[in-house]
Amino acid sequence: NEYPEKMQEWYHSALRELENKVKHYTPLICEKKKPV
């Protein structure tokens, strides 16, 4: 609410973009290395 109008528009558009993208990805995990 304290931001200028243009910033508020960018904020709301970013939130809409985030909510439109509903895909869930599994986090990246490093491969297990064999002990030397």
PDB file of all heavy atoms in Angstrom:
ATOM      1  N   ASN A   1       0.822  -1.221   0.000  1.00  0.00           N
ATOM      2  CA  ASN A   1       0.000   0.000   0.000  1.00  0.00           C
ATOM      3  C   ASN A   1       0.853   1.267   0.000  1.00  0.00           C
ATOM      4  O   ASN A   1       0.404   2.321  -0.444  1.00  0.00           O
ATOM      5  CB  ASN A   1      -0.934   0.006   1.216  1.00  0.00           C
ATOM      6  CG  ASN A   1      -1.890  -1.174   1.172  1.00  0.00           C
ATOM      7  OD1 ASN A   1      -2.198  -1.676   0.086  1.00  0.00           O
ATOM      8  ND2 ASN A   1      -2.319  -1.643   2.332  1.00  0.00           N
ATOM      9  N   GLU A   2       2.087   1.181   0.476  1.00  0.00           N
ATOM     10  CA  GLU A   2       2.949   2.361   0.543  1.00  0.00           C
ATOM     11  C   GLU A   2       3.671   2.637  -0.779  1.00  0.00           C
ATOM     12  O   GLU A   2       4.281   3.681  -0.944  1.00  0.00           O
ATOM     13  CB  GLU A   2       3.991   2.160   1.650  1.00  0.00           C
ATOM     14  CG  GLU A   2       3.375   1.990   3.024  1.00  0.00           C
ATOM     15  CD  GLU A   2       4.412   1.593   4.060  1.00  0.00           C
ATOM     16  OE1 GLU A   2       5.613   1.559   3.729  1.00  0.00           O
ATOM     17  OE2 GLU A   2       4.015   1.323   5.200  1.00  0.00           O
ATOM     18  N   TYR A   3       3.602   1.716  -1.720  1.00  0.00           N
ATOM     19  CA  TYR A   3       4.312   1.850  -2.996  1.00  0.00           C
ATOM     20  C   TYR A   3       3.523   2.694  -3.982  1.00  0.00           C
ATOM     21  O   TYR A   3       2.295   2.817  -3.870  1.00  0.00           O
ATOM     22  CB  TYR A   3       4.568   0.479  -3.614  1.00  0.00           C
ATOM     23  CG  TYR A   3       5.530  -0.395  -2.836  1.00  0.00           C
ATOM     24  CD1 TYR A   3       5.538  -1.762  -3.024  1.00  0.00           C
ATOM     25  CD2 TYR A   3       6.425   0.151  -1.920  1.00  0.00           C
ATOM     26  CE1 TYR A   3       6.407  -2.575  -2.312  1.00  0.00           C
ATOM     27  CE2 TYR A   3       7.298  -0.657  -1.207  1.00  0.00           C
ATOM     28  CZ  TYR A   3       7.284  -2.012  -1.403  1.00  0.00           C
ATOM     29  OH  TYR A   3       8.143  -2.796  -0.713  1.00  0.00           O
ATOM     30  N   PRO A   4       4.189   3.277  -4.995  1.00  0.00           N
ATOM     31  CA  PRO A   4       3.474   4.018  -6.041  1.00  0.00           C
ATOM     32  C   PRO A   4       2.580   3.055  -6.859  1.00  0.00           C
ATOM     33  O   PRO A   4       2.717   1.835  -6.794  1.00  0.00           O
ATOM     34  CB  PRO A   4       4.593   4.580  -6.917  1.00  0.00           C
ATOM     35  CG  PRO A   4       5.858   4.394  -6.170  1.00  0.00           C
ATOM     36  CD  PRO A   4       5.611   3.360  -5.148  1.00  0.00           C
ATOM     37  N   GLU A   5       1.665   3.659  -7.647  1.00  0.00           N
ATOM     38  CA  GLU A   5       0.692   2.858  -8.400  1.00  0.00           C
ATOM     39  C   GLU A   5       1.358   1.896  -9.371  1.00  0.00           C
ATOM     40  O   GLU A   5       0.960   0.737  -9.501  1.00  0.00           O
ATOM     41  CB  GLU A   5      -0.253   3.785  -9.185  1.00  0.00           C
ATOM     42  CG  GLU A   5      -1.308   4.432  -8.344  1.00  0.00           C
ATOM     43  CD  GLU A   5      -2.275   5.244  -9.191  1.00  0.00           C
ATOM     44  OE1 GLU A   5      -2.543   4.831 -10.341  1.00  0.00           O
ATOM     45  OE2 GLU A   5      -2.737   6.268  -8.701  1.00  0.00           O
ATOM     46  N   LYS A   6       2.357   2.373 -10.064  1.00  0.00           N
ATOM     47  CA  LYS A   6       3.044   1.528 -11.054  1.00  0.00           C
ATOM     48  C   LYS A   6       3.645   0.302 -10.374  1.00  0.00           C
ATOM     49  O   LYS A   6       3.533  -0.830 -10.874  1.00  0.00           O
ATOM     50  CB  LYS A   6       4.136   2.355 -11.754  1.00  0.00           C
ATOM     51  CG  LYS A   6       4.725   1.707 -12.964  1.00  0.00           C
ATOM     52  CD  LYS A   6       3.707   1.659 -14.090  1.00  0.00           C
ATOM     53  CE  LYS A   6       4.369   1.105 -15.339  1.00  0.00           C
ATOM     54  NZ  LYS A   6       3.418   0.859 -16.399  1.00  0.00           N
ATOM     55  N   MET A   7       4.276   0.504  -9.212  1.00  0.00           N
ATOM     56  CA  MET A   7       4.867  -0.612  -8.465  1.00  0.00           C
ATOM     57  C   MET A   7       3.785  -1.577  -7.998  1.00  0.00           C
ATOM     58  O   MET A   7       3.979  -2.799  -8.017  1.00  0.00           O
ATOM     59  CB  MET A   7       5.649  -0.094  -7.248  1.00  0.00           C
ATOM     60  CG  MET A   7       6.941   0.587  -7.559  1.00  0.00           C
ATOM     61  SD  MET A   7       8.271  -0.542  -7.886  1.00  0.00           S
ATOM     62  CE  MET A   7       8.606  -1.177  -6.271  1.00  0.00           C
ATOM     63  N   GLN A   8       2.613  -1.028  -7.592  1.00  0.00           N
ATOM     64  CA  GLN A   8       1.520  -1.900  -7.147  1.00  0.00           C
ATOM     65  C   GLN A   8       1.002  -2.744  -8.315  1.00  0.00           C
ATOM     66  O   GLN A   8       0.704  -3.937  -8.140  1.00  0.00           O
ATOM     67  CB  GLN A   8       0.380  -1.066  -6.551  1.00  0.00           C
ATOM     68  CG  GLN A   8       0.724  -0.476  -5.197  1.00  0.00           C
ATOM     69  CD  GLN A   8      -0.417   0.345  -4.622  1.00  0.00           C
ATOM     70  OE1 GLN A   8      -1.526   0.362  -5.167  1.00  0.00           O
ATOM     71  NE2 GLN A   8      -0.150   1.023  -3.512  1.00  0.00           N
ATOM     72  N   GLU A   9       0.932  -2.135  -9.519  1.00  0.00           N
ATOM     73  CA  GLU A   9       0.504  -2.904 -10.697  1.00  0.00           C
ATOM     74  C   GLU A   9       1.482  -4.049 -10.973  1.00  0.00           C
ATOM     75  O   GLU A   9       1.075  -5.183 -11.233  1.00  0.00           O
ATOM     76  CB  GLU A   9       0.428  -1.992 -11.921  1.00  0.00           C
ATOM     77  CG  GLU A   9      -0.724  -1.023 -11.902  1.00  0.00           C
ATOM     78  CD  GLU A   9      -0.692  -0.090 -13.103  1.00  0.00           C
ATOM     79  OE1 GLU A   9      -0.094  -0.468 -14.138  1.00  0.00           O
ATOM     80  OE2 GLU A   9      -1.247   1.007 -12.997  1.00  0.00           O
ATOM     81  N   TRP A  10       2.797  -3.774 -10.911  1.00  0.00           N
ATOM     82  CA  TRP A  10       3.808  -4.815 -11.142  1.00  0.00           C
ATOM     83  C   TRP A  10       3.703  -5.923 -10.092  1.00  0.00           C
ATOM     84  O   TRP A  10       3.820  -7.100 -10.388  1.00  0.00           O
ATOM     85  CB  TRP A  10       5.214  -4.223 -11.098  1.00  0.00           C
ATOM     86  CG  TRP A  10       5.541  -3.327 -12.266  1.00  0.00           C
ATOM     87  CD1 TRP A  10       4.939  -3.314 -13.469  1.00  0.00           C
ATOM     88  CD2 TRP A  10       6.566  -2.333 -12.295  1.00  0.00           C
ATOM     89  NE1 TRP A  10       5.507  -2.360 -14.275  1.00  0.00           N
ATOM     90  CE2 TRP A  10       6.516  -1.747 -13.580  1.00  0.00           C
ATOM     91  CE3 TRP A  10       7.489  -1.866 -11.386  1.00  0.00           C
ATOM     92  CZ2 TRP A  10       7.377  -0.730 -13.962  1.00  0.00           C
ATOM     93  CZ3 TRP A  10       8.342  -0.871 -11.770  1.00  0.00           C
ATOM     94  CH2 TRP A  10       8.284  -0.293 -13.048  1.00  0.00           C
ATOM     95  N   TYR A  11       3.429  -5.497  -8.842  1.00  0.00           N
ATOM     96  CA  TYR A  11       3.297  -6.450  -7.740  1.00  0.00           C
ATOM     97  C   TYR A  11       2.126  -7.396  -8.000  1.00  0.00           C
ATOM     98  O   TYR A  11       2.260  -8.617  -7.894  1.00  0.00           O
ATOM     99  CB  TYR A  11       3.118  -5.669  -6.432  1.00  0.00           C
ATOM    100  CG  TYR A  11       2.692  -6.506  -5.258  1.00  0.00           C
ATOM    101  CD1 TYR A  11       3.623  -7.234  -4.546  1.00  0.00           C
ATOM    102  CD2 TYR A  11       1.356  -6.571  -4.861  1.00  0.00           C
ATOM    103  CE1 TYR A  11       3.253  -8.002  -3.467  1.00  0.00           C
ATOM    104  CE2 TYR A  11       0.973  -7.337  -3.789  1.00  0.00           C
ATOM    105  CZ  TYR A  11       1.926  -8.059  -3.090  1.00  0.00           C
ATOM    106  OH  TYR A  11       1.555  -8.829  -2.032  1.00  0.00           O
ATOM    107  N   HIS A  12       0.953  -6.826  -8.359  1.00  0.00           N
ATOM    108  CA  HIS A  12      -0.227  -7.661  -8.589  1.00  0.00           C
ATOM    109  C   HIS A  12      -0.049  -8.549  -9.815  1.00  0.00           C
ATOM    110  O   HIS A  12      -0.476  -9.722  -9.805  1.00  0.00           O
ATOM    111  CB  HIS A  12      -1.489  -6.778  -8.731  1.00  0.00           C
ATOM    112  CG  HIS A  12      -1.880  -6.105  -7.439  1.00  0.00           C
ATOM    113  ND1 HIS A  12      -2.263  -6.808  -6.323  1.00  0.00           N
ATOM    114  CD2 HIS A  12      -1.917  -4.793  -7.082  1.00  0.00           C
ATOM    115  CE1 HIS A  12      -2.539  -5.974  -5.330  1.00  0.00           C
ATOM    116  NE2 HIS A  12      -2.328  -4.730  -5.775  1.00  0.00           N
ATOM    117  N   SER A  13       0.605  -8.040 -10.866  1.00  0.00           N
ATOM    118  CA  SER A  13       0.826  -8.877 -12.049  1.00  0.00           C
ATOM    119  C   SER A  13       1.791 -10.025 -11.714  1.00  0.00           C
ATOM    120  O   SER A  13       1.613 -11.157 -12.175  1.00  0.00           O
ATOM    121  CB  SER A  13       1.375  -8.044 -13.214  1.00  0.00           C
ATOM    122  OG  SER A  13       2.649  -7.553 -12.900  1.00  0.00           O
ATOM    123  N   ALA A  14       2.805  -9.746 -10.876  1.00  0.00           N
ATOM    124  CA  ALA A  14       3.730 -10.815 -10.474  1.00  0.00           C
ATOM    125  C   ALA A  14       3.001 -11.870  -9.663  1.00  0.00           C
ATOM    126  O   ALA A  14       3.213 -13.076  -9.854  1.00  0.00           O
ATOM    127  CB  ALA A  14       4.879 -10.222  -9.669  1.00  0.00           C
ATOM    128  N   LEU A  15       2.114 -11.447  -8.749  1.00  0.00           N
ATOM    129  CA  LEU A  15       1.343 -12.418  -7.970  1.00  0.00           C
ATOM    130  C   LEU A  15       0.440 -13.266  -8.872  1.00  0.00           C
ATOM    131  O   LEU A  15       0.321 -14.483  -8.688  1.00  0.00           O
ATOM    132  CB  LEU A  15       0.480 -11.699  -6.925  1.00  0.00           C
ATOM    133  CG  LEU A  15       1.163 -11.386  -5.598  1.00  0.00           C
ATOM    134  CD1 LEU A  15       0.200 -10.678  -4.659  1.00  0.00           C
ATOM    135  CD2 LEU A  15       1.673 -12.648  -4.951  1.00  0.00           C
ATOM    136  N   ARG A  16      -0.207 -12.602  -9.864  1.00  0.00           N
ATOM    137  CA  ARG A  16      -1.060 -13.368 -10.793  1.00  0.00           C
ATOM    138  C   ARG A  16      -0.240 -14.398 -11.556  1.00  0.00           C
ATOM    139  O   ARG A  16      -0.669 -15.543 -11.718  1.00  0.00           O
ATOM    140  CB  ARG A  16      -1.746 -12.403 -11.776  1.00  0.00           C
ATOM    141  CG  ARG A  16      -3.064 -11.885 -11.224  1.00  0.00           C
ATOM    142  CD  ARG A  16      -3.820 -11.075 -12.270  1.00  0.00           C
ATOM    143  NE  ARG A  16      -3.695  -9.669 -11.846  1.00  0.00           N
ATOM    144  CZ  ARG A  16      -3.163  -8.689 -12.524  1.00  0.00           C
ATOM    145  NH1 ARG A  16      -2.702  -8.887 -13.739  1.00  0.00           N
ATOM    146  NH2 ARG A  16      -3.087  -7.470 -12.038  1.00  0.00           N
ATOM    147  N   GLU A  17       0.950 -13.983 -12.011  1.00  0.00           N
ATOM    148  CA  GLU A  17       1.823 -14.914 -12.739  1.00  0.00           C
ATOM    149  C   GLU A  17       2.181 -16.110 -11.863  1.00  0.00           C
ATOM    150  O   GLU A  17       2.190 -17.246 -12.321  1.00  0.00           O
ATOM    151  CB  GLU A  17       3.107 -14.209 -13.200  1.00  0.00           C
ATOM    152  CG  GLU A  17       2.930 -13.273 -14.352  1.00  0.00           C
ATOM    153  CD  GLU A  17       2.668 -14.003 -15.659  1.00  0.00           C
ATOM    154  OE1 GLU A  17       3.218 -15.107 -15.844  1.00  0.00           O
ATOM    155  OE2 GLU A  17       1.907 -13.474 -16.472  1.00  0.00           O
ATOM    156  N   LEU A  18       2.504 -15.841 -10.602  1.00  0.00           N
ATOM    157  CA  LEU A  18       2.869 -16.926  -9.696  1.00  0.00           C
ATOM    158  C   LEU A  18       1.702 -17.886  -9.463  1.00  0.00           C
ATOM    159  O   LEU A  18       1.877 -19.097  -9.350  1.00  0.00           O
ATOM    160  CB  LEU A  18       3.352 -16.371  -8.359  1.00  0.00           C
ATOM    161  CG  LEU A  18       4.750 -15.761  -8.343  1.00  0.00           C
ATOM    162  CD1 LEU A  18       5.037 -15.131  -6.988  1.00  0.00           C
ATOM    163  CD2 LEU A  18       5.782 -16.818  -8.646  1.00  0.00           C
ATOM    164  N   GLU A  19       0.494 -17.342  -9.358  1.00  0.00           N
ATOM    165  CA  GLU A  19      -0.654 -18.208  -9.105  1.00  0.00           C
ATOM    166  C   GLU A  19      -1.092 -18.958 -10.357  1.00  0.00           C
ATOM    167  O   GLU A  19      -1.655 -20.048 -10.264  1.00  0.00           O
ATOM    168  CB  GLU A  19      -1.803 -17.384  -8.524  1.00  0.00           C
ATOM    169  CG  GLU A  19      -1.487 -16.940  -7.100  1.00  0.00           C
ATOM    170  CD  GLU A  19      -2.543 -16.017  -6.531  1.00  0.00           C
ATOM    171  OE1 GLU A  19      -3.627 -15.905  -7.125  1.00  0.00           O
ATOM    172  OE2 GLU A  19      -2.263 -15.408  -5.490  1.00  0.00           O
ATOM    173  N   ASN A  20      -0.825 -18.390 -11.551  1.00  0.00           N
ATOM    174  CA  ASN A  20      -1.168 -19.090 -12.794  1.00  0.00           C
ATOM    175  C   ASN A  20      -0.253 -20.292 -13.023  1.00  0.00           C
ATOM    176  O   ASN A  20      -0.662 -21.287 -13.607  1.00  0.00           O
ATOM    177  CB  ASN A  20      -1.065 -18.146 -13.991  1.00  0.00           C
ATOM    178  CG  ASN A  20      -2.189 -17.121 -13.992  1.00  0.00           C
ATOM    179  OD1 ASN A  20      -3.190 -17.287 -13.308  1.00  0.00           O
ATOM    180  ND2 ASN A  20      -2.007 -16.043 -14.729  1.00  0.00           N
ATOM    181  N   LYS A  21       0.968 -20.182 -12.576  1.00  0.00           N
ATOM    182  CA  LYS A  21       1.925 -21.292 -12.724  1.00  0.00           C
ATOM    183  C   LYS A  21       1.725 -22.244 -11.545  1.00  0.00           C
ATOM    184  O   LYS A  21       2.180 -22.001 -10.460  1.00  0.00           O
ATOM    185  CB  LYS A  21       3.373 -20.789 -12.727  1.00  0.00           C
ATOM    186  CG  LYS A  21       3.647 -19.698 -13.713  1.00  0.00           C
ATOM    187  CD  LYS A  21       3.789 -20.274 -15.092  1.00  0.00           C
ATOM    188  CE  LYS A  21       4.204 -19.145 -16.033  1.00  0.00           C
ATOM    189  NZ  LYS A  21       4.054 -19.453 -17.388  1.00  0.00           N
ATOM    190  N   VAL A  22       0.999 -23.333 -11.780  1.00  0.00           N
ATOM    191  CA  VAL A  22       0.672 -24.239 -10.686  1.00  0.00           C
ATOM    192  C   VAL A  22       1.576 -25.475 -10.688  1.00  0.00           C
ATOM    193  O   VAL A  22       1.453 -26.344  -9.860  1.00  0.00           O
ATOM    194  CB  VAL A  22      -0.802 -24.706 -10.790  1.00  0.00           C
ATOM    195  CG1 VAL A  22      -1.298 -25.241  -9.460  1.00  0.00           C
ATOM    196  CG2 VAL A  22      -1.692 -23.573 -11.241  1.00  0.00           C
ATOM    197  N   LYS A  23       2.507 -25.555 -11.644  1.00  0.00           N
ATOM    198  CA  LYS A  23       3.356 -26.735 -11.733  1.00  0.00           C
ATOM    199  C   LYS A  23       4.243 -26.838 -10.497  1.00  0.00           C
ATOM    200  O   LYS A  23       4.830 -25.853 -10.069  1.00  0.00           O
ATOM    201  CB  LYS A  23       4.240 -26.668 -12.991  1.00  0.00           C
ATOM    202  CG  LYS A  23       3.467 -26.743 -14.265  1.00  0.00           C
ATOM    203  CD  LYS A  23       4.418 -26.695 -15.445  1.00  0.00           C
ATOM    204  CE  LYS A  23       3.636 -26.696 -16.750  1.00  0.00           C
ATOM    205  NZ  LYS A  23       4.513 -26.543 -17.892  1.00  0.00           N
ATOM    206  N   HIS A  24       4.337 -28.017  -9.989  1.00  0.00           N
ATOM    207  CA  HIS A  24       5.212 -28.266  -8.848  1.00  0.00           C
ATOM    208  C   HIS A  24       6.368 -29.131  -9.327  1.00  0.00           C
ATOM    209  O   HIS A  24       6.160 -30.179  -9.931  1.00  0.00           O
ATOM    210  CB  HIS A  24       4.453 -28.981  -7.725  1.00  0.00           C
ATOM    211  CG  HIS A  24       3.354 -28.137  -7.163  1.00  0.00           C
ATOM    212  ND1 HIS A  24       3.593 -27.048  -6.362  1.00  0.00           N
ATOM    213  CD2 HIS A  24       2.008 -28.211  -7.297  1.00  0.00           C
ATOM    214  CE1 HIS A  24       2.452 -26.496  -6.022  1.00  0.00           C
ATOM    215  NE2 HIS A  24       1.454 -27.175  -6.582  1.00  0.00           N
ATOM    216  N   TYR A  25       7.557 -28.681  -9.055  1.00  0.00           N
ATOM    217  CA  TYR A  25       8.752 -29.413  -9.451  1.00  0.00           C
ATOM    218  C   TYR A  25       9.411 -29.994  -8.210  1.00  0.00           C
ATOM    219  O   TYR A  25       9.382 -29.393  -7.144  1.00  0.00           O
ATOM    220  CB  TYR A  25       9.750 -28.487 -10.156  1.00  0.00           C
ATOM    221  CG  TYR A  25       9.226 -27.912 -11.448  1.00  0.00           C
ATOM    222  CD1 TYR A  25       8.741 -26.612 -11.518  1.00  0.00           C
ATOM    223  CD2 TYR A  25       9.200 -28.675 -12.597  1.00  0.00           C
ATOM    224  CE1 TYR A  25       8.253 -26.085 -12.702  1.00  0.00           C
ATOM    225  CE2 TYR A  25       8.723 -28.157 -13.780  1.00  0.00           C
ATOM    226  CZ  TYR A  25       8.252 -26.864 -13.840  1.00  0.00           C
ATOM    227  OH  TYR A  25       7.782 -26.354 -15.011  1.00  0.00           O
ATOM    228  N   THR A  26      10.022 -31.127  -8.407  1.00  0.00           N
ATOM    229  CA  THR A  26      10.759 -31.712  -7.288  1.00  0.00           C
ATOM    230  C   THR A  26      12.103 -30.993  -7.174  1.00  0.00           C
ATOM    231  O   THR A  26      12.710 -30.644  -8.180  1.00  0.00           O
ATOM    232  CB  THR A  26      11.014 -33.216  -7.532  1.00  0.00           C
ATOM    233  OG1 THR A  26      11.702 -33.364  -8.767  1.00  0.00           O
ATOM    234  CG2 THR A  26       9.708 -33.978  -7.584  1.00  0.00           C
ATOM    235  N   PRO A  27      12.536 -30.760  -5.959  1.00  0.00           N
ATOM    236  CA  PRO A  27      13.814 -30.046  -5.803  1.00  0.00           C
ATOM    237  C   PRO A  27      14.971 -30.889  -6.321  1.00  0.00           C
ATOM    238  O   PRO A  27      14.910 -32.118  -6.326  1.00  0.00           O
ATOM    239  CB  PRO A  27      13.916 -29.829  -4.297  1.00  0.00           C
ATOM    240  CG  PRO A  27      12.997 -30.818  -3.686  1.00  0.00           C
ATOM    241  CD  PRO A  27      11.924 -31.091  -4.689  1.00  0.00           C
ATOM    242  N   LEU A  28      16.030 -30.200  -6.759  1.00  0.00           N
ATOM    243  CA  LEU A  28      17.207 -30.885  -7.271  1.00  0.00           C
ATOM    244  C   LEU A  28      17.984 -31.528  -6.127  1.00  0.00           C
ATOM    245  O   LEU A  28      18.153 -30.929  -5.071  1.00  0.00           O
ATOM    246  CB  LEU A  28      18.115 -29.896  -7.999  1.00  0.00           C
ATOM    247  CG  LEU A  28      17.526 -29.272  -9.260  1.00  0.00           C
ATOM    248  CD1 LEU A  28      18.505 -28.228  -9.791  1.00  0.00           C
ATOM    249  CD2 LEU A  28      17.289 -30.335 -10.311  1.00  0.00           C
ATOM    250  N   ILE A  29      18.426 -32.740  -6.359  1.00  0.00           N
ATOM    251  CA  ILE A  29      19.198 -33.462  -5.352  1.00  0.00           C
ATOM    252  C   ILE A  29      20.502 -33.902  -5.991  1.00  0.00           C
ATOM    253  O   ILE A  29      20.518 -34.399  -7.114  1.00  0.00           O
ATOM    254  CB  ILE A  29      18.421 -34.697  -4.849  1.00  0.00           C
ATOM    255  CG1 ILE A  29      17.097 -34.264  -4.217  1.00  0.00           C
ATOM    256  CG2 ILE A  29      19.249 -35.481  -3.845  1.00  0.00           C
ATOM    257  CD1 ILE A  29      16.182 -35.413  -3.870  1.00  0.00           C
ATOM    258  N   CYS A  30      21.609 -33.717  -5.281  1.00  0.00           N
ATOM    259  CA  CYS A  30      22.909 -34.137  -5.797  1.00  0.00           C
ATOM    260  C   CYS A  30      22.972 -35.660  -5.818  1.00  0.00           C
ATOM    261  O   CYS A  30      22.433 -36.332  -4.938  1.00  0.00           O
ATOM    262  CB  CYS A  30      24.034 -33.602  -4.921  1.00  0.00           C
ATOM    263  SG  CYS A  30      24.181 -31.820  -4.986  1.00  0.00           S
ATOM    264  N   GLU A  31      23.662 -36.181  -6.829  1.00  0.00           N
ATOM    265  CA  GLU A  31      23.842 -37.621  -6.908  1.00  0.00           C
ATOM    266  C   GLU A  31      24.770 -38.078  -5.800  1.00  0.00           C
ATOM    267  O   GLU A  31      25.709 -37.382  -5.440  1.00  0.00           O
ATOM    268  CB  GLU A  31      24.451 -38.001  -8.262  1.00  0.00           C
ATOM    269  CG  GLU A  31      23.528 -37.771  -9.420  1.00  0.00           C
ATOM    270  CD  GLU A  31      24.173 -38.182 -10.739  1.00  0.00           C
ATOM    271  OE1 GLU A  31      25.267 -38.794 -10.708  1.00  0.00           O
ATOM    272  OE2 GLU A  31      23.584 -37.897 -11.771  1.00  0.00           O
ATOM    273  N   LYS A  32      24.509 -39.260  -5.300  1.00  0.00           N
ATOM    274  CA  LYS A  32      25.373 -39.796  -4.256  1.00  0.00           C
ATOM    275  C   LYS A  32      26.650 -40.292  -4.900  1.00  0.00           C
ATOM    276  O   LYS A  32      26.623 -40.968  -5.925  1.00  0.00           O
ATOM    277  CB  LYS A  32      24.687 -40.935  -3.520  1.00  0.00           C
ATOM    278  CG  LYS A  32      23.518 -40.471  -2.679  1.00  0.00           C
ATOM    279  CD  LYS A  32      22.919 -41.623  -1.911  1.00  0.00           C
ATOM    280  CE  LYS A  32      21.754 -41.150  -1.061  1.00  0.00           C
ATOM    281  NZ  LYS A  32      21.111 -42.265  -0.352  1.00  0.00           N
ATOM    282  N   LYS A  33      27.782 -39.931  -4.285  1.00  0.00           N
ATOM    283  CA  LYS A  33      29.076 -40.359  -4.814  1.00  0.00           C
ATOM    284  C   LYS A  33      29.547 -41.571  -4.034  1.00  0.00           C
ATOM    285  O   LYS A  33      29.340 -41.659  -2.821  1.00  0.00           O
ATOM    286  CB  LYS A  33      30.108 -39.241  -4.683  1.00  0.00           C
ATOM    287  CG  LYS A  33      29.789 -38.037  -5.514  1.00  0.00           C
ATOM    288  CD  LYS A  33      30.844 -36.976  -5.335  1.00  0.00           C
ATOM    289  CE  LYS A  33      30.502 -35.739  -6.140  1.00  0.00           C
ATOM    290  NZ  LYS A  33      31.475 -34.671  -5.908  1.00  0.00           N
ATOM    291  N   LYS A  34      30.200 -42.465  -4.744  1.00  0.00           N
ATOM    292  CA  LYS A  34      30.760 -43.627  -4.069  1.00  0.00           C
ATOM    293  C   LYS A  34      31.978 -43.166  -3.270  1.00  0.00           C
ATOM    294  O   LYS A  34      32.737 -42.317  -3.723  1.00  0.00           O
ATOM    295  CB  LYS A  34      31.192 -44.674  -5.094  1.00  0.00           C
ATOM    296  CG  LYS A  34      30.033 -45.328  -5.793  1.00  0.00           C
ATOM    297  CD  LYS A  34      30.531 -46.408  -6.723  1.00  0.00           C
ATOM    298  CE  LYS A  34      29.370 -47.064  -7.442  1.00  0.00           C
ATOM    299  NZ  LYS A  34      29.852 -48.104  -8.381  1.00  0.00           N
ATOM    300  N   PRO A  35      32.187 -43.728  -2.103  1.00  0.00           N
ATOM    301  CA  PRO A  35      33.366 -43.326  -1.319  1.00  0.00           C
ATOM    302  C   PRO A  35      34.640 -43.785  -2.003  1.00  0.00           C
ATOM    303  O   PRO A  35      34.681 -44.833  -2.637  1.00  0.00           O
ATOM    304  CB  PRO A  35      33.162 -44.029   0.021  1.00  0.00           C
ATOM    305  CG  PRO A  35      32.252 -45.161  -0.277  1.00  0.00           C
ATOM    306  CD  PRO A  35      31.378 -44.718  -1.425  1.00  0.00           C
ATOM    307  N   VAL A  36      35.684 -42.977  -1.871  1.00  0.00           N
ATOM    308  CA  VAL A  36      36.968 -43.309  -2.470  1.00  0.00           C
ATOM    309  C   VAL A  36      37.600 -44.424  -1.644  1.00  0.00           C
ATOM    310  O   VAL A  36      37.748 -44.297  -0.427  1.00  0.00           O
ATOM    311  CB  VAL A  36      37.891 -42.074  -2.491  1.00  0.00           C
ATOM    312  CG1 VAL A  36      39.240 -42.415  -3.071  1.00  0.00           C
ATOM    313  CG2 VAL A  36      37.230 -40.950  -3.257  1.00  0.00           C
TER     314      VAL A  36
END
